[in-house]
Amino acid sequence: MNTEVESIKKTNSQNGNSGYKDELKRVLTLKDLTIYGIAFMTPIAPAYIYGTASQLTGGMLALAYLCAMIAMLFTAYSYGRMAAAFPVAGSTYTYTQRAISPYLGFLAGWCMFMSYVLVPLVVFMVGAAYANVAIPSIPYWVWVLIIGGVTTVVNYFGVEIAAKANLYLVGLMGAIVVIFVFICGKSLLGGVGEGTLLSIKPFYNESTFSISTLIAGGAIACFSFLGFDSITTMAEEAIKPEKDIGKAALISCIVGGLIFIIQAYIIQLVWPDYSSFASSDTALFEVAKLAGGAFLAGLYTFAVVISTLTAGLTGQSSAARLLFGMGRDEVLPKKFFTHLHPKYKTPTYNIFIMCTIGIIGALTLNISLVTELLNFGGLVGFMCVNLSVIVYYFIKKRERKIFSNLIIPALGFIVCFYLWINLSTFALTVGFTWLSLGIVYGIILSKTSKNKLPMISDM
């Protein structure tokens, strides 16, 4: 207990030097933060993209996940480095703003905001789609309202409640994933699909392999990893952010990546013909039904709905806290976006905004298009954080540690940039349109005497 108190005092001092005071409640441990990241990534993430991604990769999504995990580890390391330097809410926005420029920081936050908004939107859509397939008598739109409403209520009552909910829900989801993999493996031994547990095809299929398909699949696979970075938005609610944020980001990235790879591997063996799904949006419902009948299909659907609650909780919470950080710096209207509930210390107005956007979007947009847009903002944010490590540590602070302060973040930047430029034309077009709107808004904001973008001095 004394150690926690000392850590809180130390962090309070750091925040004070940053010009901020602690406003959010410090209650999250390393375990809570790690569970938070895994919950946002969600152990059952392949359900969200498998139908589309398996076609893009020629049935080698397991390989795409492996490459994406390695790439994301570089970026996870960079997030940890920046969280140690700036343990405050705001994540990508805060790091880029302070390390490089308030203007670039604003644009990074603008792009990440798009991603954080779209994550709960996607999970509402996927959860409602699977639930509607399992129980057609309940309309899709009703499921959207149920999932959106539950996540909003839990987040409203505070991060402690959300952390406890995530712990139990992630545990339940993990157990179902284990059952799913076990039954799929048993079905393979019974002659289903490839009829074997051992095959190189999910990682390398000579007839379909190409670098272009691997890159396209890797870019989509990055969607599943959008979650470890959300841990950094909880820095002001972590007990020891300067130590635990970085550790939690790396742990969640590795654990989540391995879970994704195992599922993609076994699923490809059970259903080799990735082009024959009746619906790409609910492809794994079909896989589960083939491997384990109605029981496994129903159980897997239940897991998907649970995953929408965990990812929805963390996605909505992260977006709300990103808005809180931008509002505190008066990049957004301060009075509204920094409002905290007097008892629960949660940014309630921001939570309600995220709920509204998520529900409206889930009722009007297409899953695959939203996923592509989400990756645009996420990869821009990742590039900015990697660049921030180089600028802040290697250039400004003159800490000439070649490997940790230059090579690792540079590799993270290069990989993310390569994936980014290989996104679809649609994603790039809409993404740059959103970015252009951010530039215009930033210019207007900087010309306003009352709400100039804050110029924060070097620390």
Protein backbone atom coordinates (compact mmCIF):
# COMPACT_ATOMS: atom_id res chain seq x y z
CA MET A 1 0.00 0.00 0.00
CA ASN A 2 2.83 2.38 0.85
CA THR A 3 4.43 1.66 -2.52
CA GLU A 4 1.19 2.58 -4.29
CA VAL A 5 0.90 5.83 -2.33
CA GLU A 6 4.49 6.77 -3.15
CA SER A 7 3.90 6.01 -6.83
CA ILE A 8 0.78 8.14 -6.88
CA LYS A 9 2.65 11.03 -5.25
CA LYS A 10 5.45 10.69 -7.76
CA THR A 11 3.01 10.67 -10.68
CA ASN A 12 1.11 13.61 -9.25
CA SER A 13 4.38 15.51 -9.21
CA GLN A 14 5.04 14.60 -12.83
CA ASN A 15 1.60 15.77 -13.85
CA GLY A 16 2.13 18.95 -11.95
CA ASN A 17 5.26 19.65 -13.95
CA SER A 18 3.18 19.09 -17.05
CA GLY A 19 0.81 21.84 -16.08
CA TYR A 20 -1.95 19.33 -15.25
CA LYS A 21 -3.46 18.27 -11.96
CA ASP A 22 -4.83 14.79 -11.29
CA GLU A 23 -8.53 14.82 -12.05
CA LEU A 24 -9.24 11.18 -12.80
CA LYS A 25 -9.16 8.47 -10.12
CA ARG A 26 -5.99 6.32 -9.79
CA VAL A 27 -7.07 2.71 -9.24
CA LEU A 28 -5.67 0.57 -12.10
CA THR A 29 -2.90 -2.00 -11.56
CA LEU A 30 -0.66 -3.70 -14.15
CA LYS A 31 -3.13 -6.59 -14.30
CA ASP A 32 -6.05 -4.21 -14.83
CA LEU A 33 -4.21 -2.37 -17.61
CA THR A 34 -3.21 -5.60 -19.36
CA ILE A 35 -6.76 -6.96 -19.17
CA TYR A 36 -7.97 -3.58 -20.44
CA GLY A 37 -5.73 -3.86 -23.51
CA ILE A 38 -6.68 -7.47 -24.22
CA ALA A 39 -10.34 -6.60 -23.72
CA PHE A 40 -10.10 -3.81 -26.30
CA MET A 41 -8.22 -6.06 -28.74
CA THR A 42 -10.67 -8.84 -27.74
CA PRO A 43 -9.54 -12.51 -27.84
CA ILE A 44 -12.19 -13.25 -30.43
CA ALA A 45 -11.11 -10.47 -32.83
CA PRO A 46 -10.72 -12.83 -35.84
CA ALA A 47 -14.53 -13.03 -35.92
CA TYR A 48 -14.61 -9.36 -36.92
CA ILE A 49 -12.41 -9.64 -40.00
CA TYR A 50 -11.93 -13.30 -40.92
CA GLY A 51 -14.35 -13.46 -43.84
CA THR A 52 -12.75 -10.49 -45.60
CA ALA A 53 -9.15 -10.93 -44.45
CA SER A 54 -8.93 -14.63 -45.37
CA GLN A 55 -9.80 -13.75 -48.96
CA LEU A 56 -7.30 -10.88 -49.04
CA THR A 57 -4.50 -13.15 -47.77
CA GLY A 58 -5.36 -16.18 -49.87
CA GLY A 59 -6.12 -18.21 -46.75
CA MET A 60 -2.97 -17.12 -44.90
CA LEU A 61 -4.41 -14.87 -42.20
CA ALA A 62 -2.27 -16.67 -39.59
CA LEU A 63 0.85 -15.42 -41.39
CA ALA A 64 -0.62 -11.91 -41.67
CA TYR A 65 -1.32 -11.93 -37.92
CA LEU A 66 2.24 -13.04 -37.18
CA CYS A 67 3.71 -10.22 -39.28
CA ALA A 68 1.29 -7.69 -37.79
CA MET A 69 2.19 -8.77 -34.24
CA ILE A 70 5.91 -8.31 -34.86
CA ALA A 71 5.25 -4.90 -36.39
CA MET A 72 3.00 -3.83 -33.51
CA LEU A 73 5.59 -4.85 -30.89
CA PHE A 74 7.88 -2.06 -32.10
CA THR A 75 5.04 0.42 -31.71
CA ALA A 76 3.97 -1.02 -28.35
CA TYR A 77 7.51 -0.39 -27.11
CA SER A 78 7.30 3.22 -28.30
CA TYR A 79 4.00 3.73 -26.49
CA GLY A 80 5.63 2.49 -23.31
CA ARG A 81 8.55 4.89 -23.71
CA MET A 82 6.26 7.88 -24.20
CA ALA A 83 3.93 6.87 -21.38
CA ALA A 84 6.91 6.86 -19.02
CA ALA A 85 7.74 10.43 -20.08
CA PHE A 86 4.16 11.76 -20.09
CA PRO A 87 1.86 9.72 -17.79
CA VAL A 88 -1.28 11.73 -18.56
CA ALA A 89 -4.52 11.09 -20.45
CA GLY A 90 -4.55 11.79 -24.17
CA SER A 91 -2.28 9.04 -25.48
CA THR A 92 -1.12 9.65 -29.08
CA TYR A 93 -2.34 13.23 -29.04
CA THR A 94 -0.41 14.07 -25.86
CA TYR A 95 2.83 12.34 -26.88
CA THR A 96 3.02 13.91 -30.34
CA GLN A 97 1.98 17.32 -29.07
CA ARG A 98 4.71 17.44 -26.44
CA ALA A 99 7.49 15.63 -28.24
CA ILE A 100 7.16 17.19 -31.68
CA SER A 101 4.57 19.93 -32.13
CA PRO A 102 1.14 20.90 -30.78
CA TYR A 103 -0.09 21.15 -34.37
CA LEU A 104 1.05 17.66 -35.37
CA GLY A 105 -0.23 16.43 -32.01
CA PHE A 106 -3.65 17.83 -32.80
CA LEU A 107 -3.72 16.05 -36.17
CA ALA A 108 -2.52 12.78 -34.59
CA GLY A 109 -5.29 13.06 -32.02
CA TRP A 110 -7.75 13.92 -34.78
CA CYS A 111 -6.85 10.71 -36.67
CA MET A 112 -6.81 8.52 -33.55
CA PHE A 113 -10.16 9.96 -32.55
CA MET A 114 -11.57 8.58 -35.80
CA SER A 115 -10.19 5.14 -34.91
CA TYR A 116 -11.40 5.20 -31.32
CA VAL A 117 -14.86 6.25 -32.48
CA LEU A 118 -14.98 3.47 -35.08
CA VAL A 119 -13.88 0.64 -32.75
CA PRO A 120 -17.07 0.59 -30.65
CA LEU A 121 -19.05 1.19 -33.84
CA VAL A 122 -17.54 -1.94 -35.44
CA VAL A 123 -18.06 -4.10 -32.37
CA PHE A 124 -21.69 -2.97 -32.08
CA MET A 125 -22.17 -4.00 -35.73
CA VAL A 126 -20.44 -7.38 -35.45
CA GLY A 127 -22.08 -8.30 -32.16
CA ALA A 128 -25.52 -7.38 -33.44
CA ALA A 129 -24.94 -9.28 -36.71
CA TYR A 130 -23.92 -12.52 -34.95
CA ALA A 131 -26.69 -12.22 -32.36
CA ASN A 132 -29.25 -11.64 -35.11
CA VAL A 133 -28.07 -14.75 -36.98
CA ALA A 134 -28.37 -16.81 -33.79
CA ILE A 135 -31.73 -15.29 -32.73
CA PRO A 136 -33.44 -13.92 -35.87
CA SER A 137 -36.61 -13.06 -33.94
CA ILE A 138 -34.79 -10.13 -32.33
CA PRO A 139 -34.03 -7.47 -35.00
CA TYR A 140 -30.49 -6.30 -35.70
CA TRP A 141 -31.25 -2.74 -34.56
CA VAL A 142 -32.50 -3.96 -31.18
CA TRP A 143 -29.21 -5.80 -30.60
CA VAL A 144 -27.30 -2.62 -31.48
CA LEU A 145 -29.27 -0.67 -28.87
CA ILE A 146 -28.78 -3.38 -26.23
CA ILE A 147 -25.00 -3.62 -26.72
CA GLY A 148 -24.56 0.16 -26.95
CA GLY A 149 -26.71 0.75 -23.89
CA VAL A 150 -24.92 -1.79 -21.68
CA THR A 151 -21.43 -0.46 -22.49
CA THR A 152 -22.52 3.11 -21.83
CA VAL A 153 -24.10 2.31 -18.46
CA VAL A 154 -21.02 0.42 -17.23
CA ASN A 155 -18.63 3.19 -18.34
CA TYR A 156 -20.86 5.81 -16.74
CA PHE A 157 -20.39 4.28 -13.30
CA GLY A 158 -16.60 4.44 -13.44
CA VAL A 159 -13.39 2.75 -14.47
CA GLU A 160 -13.34 0.45 -11.42
CA ILE A 161 -16.64 -1.12 -12.46
CA ALA A 162 -15.46 -1.36 -16.08
CA ALA A 163 -12.17 -2.98 -14.99
CA LYS A 164 -13.99 -5.63 -12.96
CA ALA A 165 -16.44 -6.26 -15.78
CA ASN A 166 -13.57 -6.64 -18.26
CA LEU A 167 -11.76 -9.11 -16.00
CA TYR A 168 -14.73 -11.47 -15.81
CA LEU A 169 -15.81 -11.02 -19.41
CA VAL A 170 -12.31 -11.56 -20.83
CA GLY A 171 -11.95 -14.68 -18.68
CA LEU A 172 -15.26 -16.02 -19.95
CA MET A 173 -14.39 -15.17 -23.54
CA GLY A 174 -10.97 -16.82 -23.19
CA ALA A 175 -12.60 -20.01 -21.92
CA ILE A 176 -14.95 -20.08 -24.91
CA VAL A 177 -12.04 -19.54 -27.32
CA VAL A 178 -10.27 -22.55 -25.75
CA ILE A 179 -13.42 -24.66 -26.19
CA PHE A 180 -13.78 -23.45 -29.78
CA VAL A 181 -10.18 -24.33 -30.67
CA PHE A 182 -10.47 -27.72 -28.94
CA ILE A 183 -13.66 -28.70 -30.77
CA CYS A 184 -12.25 -27.46 -34.08
CA GLY A 185 -9.14 -29.55 -33.49
CA LYS A 186 -11.25 -32.60 -32.66
CA SER A 187 -13.29 -32.11 -35.83
CA LEU A 188 -10.10 -31.98 -37.89
CA LEU A 189 -9.01 -35.33 -36.46
CA GLY A 190 -12.47 -36.61 -37.42
CA GLY A 191 -11.88 -35.74 -41.08
CA VAL A 192 -13.41 -32.26 -41.33
CA GLY A 193 -11.64 -29.75 -43.60
CA GLU A 194 -7.96 -30.53 -44.13
CA GLY A 195 -8.30 -33.52 -41.80
CA THR A 196 -5.07 -32.78 -39.93
CA LEU A 197 -3.82 -30.58 -37.08
CA LEU A 198 -0.46 -30.00 -38.73
CA SER A 199 -0.20 -28.00 -41.94
CA ILE A 200 1.94 -25.18 -43.29
CA LYS A 201 -0.88 -23.82 -45.47
CA PRO A 202 -2.25 -21.24 -42.97
CA PHE A 203 1.26 -19.70 -42.99
CA TYR A 204 2.36 -20.46 -46.54
CA ASN A 205 0.31 -21.65 -49.49
CA GLU A 206 2.41 -21.65 -52.65
CA SER A 207 -0.61 -21.34 -54.92
CA THR A 208 -1.92 -18.12 -53.32
CA PHE A 209 1.10 -16.48 -51.68
CA SER A 210 2.27 -13.04 -52.80
CA ILE A 211 3.84 -10.09 -51.03
CA SER A 212 0.98 -7.81 -52.08
CA THR A 213 -1.68 -10.07 -50.55
CA LEU A 214 0.38 -10.44 -47.37
CA ILE A 215 0.71 -6.66 -47.01
CA ALA A 216 -3.00 -6.12 -47.67
CA GLY A 217 -3.86 -8.77 -45.12
CA GLY A 218 -1.36 -7.38 -42.63
CA ALA A 219 -2.94 -3.96 -42.88
CA ILE A 220 -6.37 -5.43 -42.11
CA ALA A 221 -4.91 -7.63 -39.34
CA CYS A 222 -3.69 -4.47 -37.62
CA PHE A 223 -7.33 -3.80 -36.79
CA SER A 224 -7.22 -6.61 -34.23
CA PHE A 225 -4.25 -4.98 -32.47
CA LEU A 226 -5.93 -1.62 -32.02
CA GLY A 227 -6.25 -1.92 -28.29
CA PHE A 228 -2.83 -2.07 -26.69
CA ASP A 229 -2.48 1.65 -27.44
CA SER A 230 -5.74 2.38 -25.61
CA ILE A 231 -3.96 1.42 -22.38
CA THR A 232 -2.07 4.71 -22.53
CA THR A 233 -5.31 6.71 -22.42
CA MET A 234 -5.78 5.34 -18.89
CA ALA A 235 -2.46 6.76 -17.62
CA GLU A 236 -4.15 9.13 -15.17
CA GLU A 237 -6.14 6.25 -13.71
CA ALA A 238 -3.13 3.91 -13.35
CA ILE A 239 -1.41 3.58 -9.96
CA LYS A 240 2.08 3.32 -11.48
CA PRO A 241 1.76 4.63 -15.05
CA GLU A 242 5.46 5.33 -15.60
CA LYS A 243 6.21 1.59 -15.18
CA ASP A 244 3.01 -0.29 -15.86
CA ILE A 245 1.74 1.35 -19.07
CA GLY A 246 4.66 0.12 -21.20
CA LYS A 247 4.64 -3.37 -19.69
CA ALA A 248 0.90 -3.74 -20.16
CA ALA A 249 1.12 -2.61 -23.81
CA LEU A 250 3.79 -5.21 -24.65
CA ILE A 251 2.13 -8.03 -22.71
CA SER A 252 -1.30 -7.44 -24.22
CA CYS A 253 0.17 -7.19 -27.72
CA ILE A 254 2.03 -10.53 -27.39
CA VAL A 255 -0.79 -12.43 -25.67
CA GLY A 256 -3.42 -11.07 -28.04
CA GLY A 257 -1.28 -11.80 -31.09
CA LEU A 258 -0.71 -15.43 -30.12
CA ILE A 259 -4.43 -15.92 -29.50
CA PHE A 260 -5.23 -14.48 -32.95
CA ILE A 261 -2.62 -16.64 -34.72
CA ILE A 262 -3.85 -19.88 -33.11
CA GLN A 263 -7.46 -19.16 -34.07
CA ALA A 264 -6.63 -18.12 -37.64
CA TYR A 265 -4.54 -21.30 -38.05
CA ILE A 266 -7.19 -23.74 -36.83
CA ILE A 267 -10.05 -21.98 -38.63
CA GLN A 268 -8.27 -22.13 -41.99
CA LEU A 269 -7.75 -25.87 -41.58
CA VAL A 270 -11.41 -26.47 -40.68
CA TRP A 271 -12.70 -24.37 -43.62
CA PRO A 272 -10.04 -24.42 -46.39
CA ASP A 273 -12.27 -22.81 -49.04
CA TYR A 274 -12.22 -19.25 -47.72
CA SER A 275 -14.25 -17.99 -50.70
CA SER A 276 -17.36 -20.07 -49.95
CA PHE A 277 -18.81 -18.33 -46.89
CA ALA A 278 -22.48 -17.41 -47.20
CA SER A 279 -21.70 -14.10 -45.46
CA SER A 280 -18.23 -12.72 -44.83
CA ASP A 281 -19.56 -10.69 -41.88
CA THR A 282 -20.52 -13.85 -39.94
CA ALA A 283 -18.03 -16.32 -41.44
CA LEU A 284 -16.99 -17.87 -38.14
CA PHE A 285 -20.58 -18.70 -37.25
CA GLU A 286 -20.46 -21.04 -40.24
CA VAL A 287 -17.08 -22.46 -39.19
CA ALA A 288 -18.30 -23.09 -35.64
CA LYS A 289 -21.45 -24.79 -36.93
CA LEU A 290 -19.42 -27.05 -39.23
CA ALA A 291 -16.99 -28.06 -36.48
CA GLY A 292 -19.34 -28.39 -33.52
CA GLY A 293 -22.91 -28.09 -34.71
CA ALA A 294 -25.54 -25.81 -33.22
CA PHE A 295 -23.93 -25.99 -29.76
CA LEU A 296 -20.59 -24.51 -30.83
CA ALA A 297 -22.25 -22.03 -33.20
CA GLY A 298 -24.41 -20.75 -30.35
CA LEU A 299 -21.51 -20.69 -27.88
CA TYR A 300 -19.28 -18.83 -30.34
CA THR A 301 -22.01 -16.30 -31.05
CA PHE A 302 -22.34 -15.75 -27.31
CA ALA A 303 -18.57 -15.12 -27.16
CA VAL A 304 -18.80 -12.59 -29.99
CA VAL A 305 -21.54 -10.71 -28.16
CA ILE A 306 -19.42 -10.78 -24.98
CA SER A 307 -16.47 -9.46 -27.00
CA THR A 308 -18.57 -6.54 -28.19
CA LEU A 309 -19.17 -5.63 -24.56
CA THR A 310 -15.46 -5.76 -23.63
CA ALA A 311 -14.24 -4.00 -26.77
CA GLY A 312 -17.17 -1.60 -26.62
CA LEU A 313 -16.40 -0.77 -22.99
CA THR A 314 -12.73 -0.06 -23.61
CA GLY A 315 -13.21 1.59 -27.00
CA GLN A 316 -15.86 3.94 -25.72
CA SER A 317 -13.81 4.68 -22.59
CA SER A 318 -10.62 5.40 -24.55
CA ALA A 319 -12.35 7.74 -26.99
CA ALA A 320 -14.00 9.57 -24.10
CA ARG A 321 -10.64 10.09 -22.41
CA LEU A 322 -8.98 11.22 -25.63
CA LEU A 323 -11.70 13.88 -25.90
CA PHE A 324 -11.04 14.74 -22.25
CA GLY A 325 -7.34 15.29 -22.98
CA MET A 326 -8.06 17.46 -26.03
CA GLY A 327 -10.70 19.43 -24.14
CA ARG A 328 -8.33 20.10 -21.25
CA ASP A 329 -5.89 21.68 -23.70
CA GLU A 330 -8.77 23.72 -25.17
CA VAL A 331 -8.38 22.07 -28.55
CA LEU A 332 -12.04 21.20 -28.06
CA PRO A 333 -14.52 23.25 -25.97
CA LYS A 334 -13.10 22.85 -22.48
CA LYS A 335 -16.19 23.21 -20.31
CA PHE A 336 -18.08 20.47 -22.14
CA PHE A 337 -15.35 17.93 -22.90
CA THR A 338 -13.64 18.07 -19.48
CA HIS A 339 -16.85 17.62 -17.53
CA LEU A 340 -16.48 14.84 -14.94
CA HIS A 341 -19.21 13.14 -12.95
CA PRO A 342 -18.94 14.53 -9.39
CA LYS A 343 -19.06 11.06 -7.81
CA TYR A 344 -17.66 8.60 -10.35
CA LYS A 345 -15.06 10.96 -11.90
CA THR A 346 -15.89 9.78 -15.41
CA PRO A 347 -16.15 12.04 -18.50
CA THR A 348 -19.87 11.39 -18.84
CA TYR A 349 -20.65 13.83 -21.65
CA ASN A 350 -17.92 12.26 -23.80
CA ILE A 351 -19.22 8.77 -23.01
CA PHE A 352 -22.71 9.77 -24.18
CA ILE A 353 -21.24 11.23 -27.39
CA MET A 354 -19.44 7.95 -28.12
CA CYS A 355 -22.61 5.96 -27.47
CA THR A 356 -24.64 8.11 -29.86
CA ILE A 357 -22.06 7.97 -32.66
CA GLY A 358 -21.61 4.22 -32.22
CA ILE A 359 -25.30 3.40 -32.41
CA ILE A 360 -26.04 5.68 -35.37
CA GLY A 361 -23.00 4.40 -37.28
CA ALA A 362 -23.82 0.75 -36.55
CA LEU A 363 -27.29 1.25 -38.00
CA THR A 364 -26.16 3.01 -41.19
CA LEU A 365 -22.64 1.89 -42.24
CA ASN A 366 -20.89 -1.19 -43.68
CA ILE A 367 -18.53 -3.31 -41.54
CA SER A 368 -15.70 -3.82 -44.07
CA LEU A 369 -15.58 -0.13 -45.03
CA VAL A 370 -15.52 0.98 -41.40
CA THR A 371 -12.69 -1.47 -40.64
CA GLU A 372 -10.56 0.00 -43.43
CA LEU A 373 -11.18 3.56 -42.20
CA LEU A 374 -10.28 2.53 -38.68
CA ASN A 375 -6.87 1.31 -39.82
CA PHE A 376 -6.12 4.66 -41.50
CA GLY A 377 -6.40 6.60 -38.27
CA GLY A 378 -4.74 3.92 -36.18
CA LEU A 379 -1.65 3.66 -38.39
CA VAL A 380 -1.26 7.47 -38.53
CA GLY A 381 -1.31 7.53 -34.75
CA PHE A 382 1.20 4.69 -34.51
CA MET A 383 3.60 6.48 -36.88
CA CYS A 384 3.38 9.66 -34.81
CA VAL A 385 4.16 7.85 -31.56
CA ASN A 386 7.19 6.09 -33.06
CA LEU A 387 8.43 9.41 -34.40
CA SER A 388 7.83 11.03 -31.01
CA VAL A 389 10.27 8.64 -29.32
CA ILE A 390 13.02 9.59 -31.76
CA VAL A 391 12.37 13.33 -31.49
CA TYR A 392 11.90 13.45 -27.72
CA TYR A 393 14.56 11.03 -26.48
CA PHE A 394 17.17 10.88 -29.24
CA ILE A 395 17.06 14.50 -30.47
CA LYS A 396 15.69 16.74 -27.72
CA LYS A 397 17.01 14.92 -24.65
CA ARG A 398 20.15 13.75 -26.48
CA GLU A 399 19.88 10.23 -25.07
CA ARG A 400 21.99 8.52 -27.74
CA LYS A 401 20.81 4.97 -27.12
CA ILE A 402 20.86 3.84 -30.73
CA PHE A 403 18.81 0.68 -30.30
CA SER A 404 16.05 1.80 -27.92
CA ASN A 405 15.72 5.46 -28.93
CA LEU A 406 16.32 5.21 -32.68
CA ILE A 407 16.29 1.75 -34.29
CA ILE A 408 13.18 0.27 -32.60
CA PRO A 409 10.94 3.33 -33.11
CA ALA A 410 12.31 3.80 -36.64
CA LEU A 411 11.40 0.21 -37.53
CA GLY A 412 7.96 0.74 -36.01
CA PHE A 413 7.48 3.88 -38.10
CA ILE A 414 8.65 2.26 -41.34
CA VAL A 415 6.45 -0.82 -40.96
CA CYS A 416 3.37 1.24 -40.07
CA PHE A 417 4.03 3.63 -42.96
CA TYR A 418 4.33 0.74 -45.41
CA LEU A 419 1.07 -0.79 -44.20
CA TRP A 420 -0.59 2.62 -44.28
CA ILE A 421 0.25 3.42 -47.92
CA ASN A 422 -1.02 -0.02 -48.91
CA LEU A 423 -4.52 0.53 -47.53
CA SER A 424 -7.35 0.52 -50.06
CA THR A 425 -8.02 3.56 -52.23
CA PHE A 426 -11.31 4.05 -50.42
CA ALA A 427 -9.66 4.10 -46.99
CA LEU A 428 -6.97 6.53 -48.13
CA THR A 429 -9.47 8.84 -49.85
CA VAL A 430 -11.85 9.08 -46.90
CA GLY A 431 -8.96 9.15 -44.43
CA PHE A 432 -7.27 12.08 -46.14
CA THR A 433 -10.61 13.85 -46.34
CA TRP A 434 -10.96 13.49 -42.57
CA LEU A 435 -7.36 14.65 -42.12
CA SER A 436 -8.03 17.69 -44.33
CA LEU A 437 -11.02 18.63 -42.19
CA GLY A 438 -8.73 18.40 -39.18
CA ILE A 439 -6.19 20.72 -40.80
CA VAL A 440 -8.90 23.29 -41.56
CA TYR A 441 -10.27 23.06 -38.03
CA GLY A 442 -6.75 23.35 -36.60
CA ILE A 443 -6.06 26.50 -38.64
CA ILE A 444 -9.33 28.06 -37.48
CA LEU A 445 -8.54 27.10 -33.90
CA SER A 446 -5.03 28.56 -34.04
CA LYS A 447 -6.40 31.86 -35.37
CA THR A 448 -8.88 32.18 -32.52
CA SER A 449 -7.47 34.29 -29.72
CA LYS A 450 -9.30 32.35 -27.03
CA ASN A 451 -8.59 28.81 -28.21
CA LYS A 452 -5.10 28.74 -29.69
CA LEU A 453 -3.46 25.37 -29.91
CA PRO A 454 -1.39 25.16 -26.72
CA MET A 455 2.36 25.60 -27.10
CA ILE A 456 3.88 23.39 -24.43
CA SER A 457 7.52 24.01 -23.63
CA ASP A 458 10.10 21.24 -23.50
CA MET A 459 10.19 19.37 -20.24
